[in-house]
Amino acid sequence: MNKAEFVEKLSEKLRCPKSQTENMLDATLDLIQKTVSKGEEVKLVGFGSFTRTERKARPGRNPKTGEYAEVPGMPVPRFKPGKEFRTRVSKKN
C-alpha cells in the first residue's frame, strides 16, 4: 500500500476529506521525524516506538575500485513494534 492508498482508506475510516487526512498524516510523520532526530523517543502504546540509535563505524569496500575504507558511524532511526502490533502481524488469517 502506498501513501495515496493509505490516505484514501484512512479518510474513509475517519469520514473526512482526503486533503485533510493527508495533512494530518503529513503532520504526524513530520512530528515523529523531528522528535526522533532530536534524540527523543516516540512511544505509541500498542503500536511501537521510534528511537534514534548510533550505527557503529565499520569497514567497507568501494564496489568500483575494490578499495577498502572505513564507513563512519552515524545516527539512524529505529522502529520497535509493540506487543499488540507483533501479535496482529503474526496471526494467521
Protein backbone atom coordinates (compact mmCIF):
# COMPACT_ATOMS: atom_id res chain seq x y z
CA MET A 1 0.00 0.00 0.00
CA ASN A 2 1.42 3.38 -0.98
CA LYS A 3 0.75 6.75 0.66
CA ALA A 4 -2.16 7.68 -1.65
CA GLU A 5 -3.92 4.37 -0.97
CA PHE A 6 -3.27 4.74 2.74
CA VAL A 7 -4.71 8.28 2.78
CA GLU A 8 -7.77 7.09 0.85
CA LYS A 9 -8.52 4.25 3.27
CA LEU A 10 -7.84 6.45 6.29
CA SER A 11 -10.13 9.21 5.00
CA GLU A 12 -12.92 6.65 4.50
CA LYS A 13 -12.43 5.36 8.04
CA LEU A 14 -12.34 8.88 9.54
CA ARG A 15 -15.10 10.18 7.24
CA CYS A 16 -13.21 13.33 6.38
CA PRO A 17 -11.81 14.77 3.13
CA LYS A 18 -8.67 13.24 1.65
CA SER A 19 -6.84 16.59 1.70
CA GLN A 20 -7.48 16.98 5.43
CA THR A 21 -6.47 13.37 6.08
CA GLU A 22 -3.25 13.81 4.11
CA ASN A 23 -2.43 16.98 6.07
CA MET A 24 -2.95 15.13 9.37
CA LEU A 25 -0.78 12.23 8.21
CA ASP A 26 1.98 14.57 6.98
CA ALA A 27 1.90 16.50 10.27
CA THR A 28 2.09 13.25 12.27
CA LEU A 29 5.03 11.90 10.29
CA ASP A 30 6.81 15.27 10.44
CA LEU A 31 6.39 15.43 14.22
CA ILE A 32 7.74 11.88 14.63
CA GLN A 33 10.75 12.66 12.41
CA LYS A 34 11.58 15.92 14.21
CA THR A 35 11.24 14.34 17.65
CA VAL A 36 13.41 11.32 16.80
CA SER A 37 16.03 13.48 15.04
CA LYS A 38 16.45 15.39 18.34
CA GLY A 39 17.25 12.07 20.04
CA GLU A 40 13.90 11.77 21.82
CA GLU A 41 11.71 8.68 21.75
CA VAL A 42 8.15 8.50 20.40
CA LYS A 43 6.10 5.72 22.04
CA LEU A 44 2.70 4.76 20.67
CA VAL A 45 1.40 2.14 23.10
CA GLY A 46 0.26 -1.00 21.29
CA PHE A 47 1.83 0.13 18.01
CA GLY A 48 5.52 0.63 18.75
CA SER A 49 8.29 3.09 19.48
CA PHE A 50 10.52 5.19 17.28
CA THR A 51 14.04 5.89 18.52
CA ARG A 52 17.40 7.13 17.27
CA THR A 53 20.36 4.79 17.64
CA GLU A 54 24.01 5.10 16.73
CA ARG A 55 25.31 2.80 13.99
CA LYS A 56 28.92 1.79 14.69
CA ALA A 57 31.75 2.53 12.27
CA ARG A 58 32.63 -0.49 10.13
CA PRO A 59 34.98 -1.49 7.35
CA GLY A 60 33.58 -1.17 3.84
CA ARG A 61 34.67 -1.58 0.22
CA ASN A 62 34.22 0.65 -2.80
CA PRO A 63 32.44 -1.57 -5.37
CA LYS A 64 34.03 0.25 -8.34
CA THR A 65 37.67 0.18 -7.24
CA GLY A 66 37.65 -2.61 -4.69
CA GLU A 67 39.47 -0.27 -2.29
CA TYR A 68 38.74 -0.75 1.41
CA ALA A 69 37.71 2.20 3.54
CA GLU A 70 36.19 2.90 6.94
CA VAL A 71 32.43 3.62 6.83
CA PRO A 72 31.82 6.13 9.63
CA GLY A 73 29.24 5.58 12.35
CA MET A 74 26.08 7.64 12.14
CA PRO A 75 22.71 8.09 13.83
CA VAL A 76 19.87 6.08 12.29
CA PRO A 77 16.14 5.81 13.07
CA ARG A 78 14.83 2.61 14.62
CA PHE A 79 11.30 1.27 14.97
CA LYS A 80 10.45 -1.39 17.53
CA PRO A 81 6.93 -2.81 17.13
CA GLY A 82 4.73 -3.08 20.21
CA LYS A 83 3.31 -6.34 21.52
CA GLU A 84 -0.16 -5.78 20.03
CA PHE A 85 1.32 -4.99 16.60
CA ARG A 86 3.60 -8.07 16.67
CA THR A 87 0.66 -10.27 17.71
CA ARG A 88 -1.57 -8.94 14.94
CA VAL A 89 1.11 -9.45 12.29
CA SER A 90 1.94 -12.98 13.43
CA LYS A 91 -1.70 -14.16 13.38
CA LYS A 92 -2.61 -16.48 10.54
CA ASN A 93 -5.64 -15.33 8.53
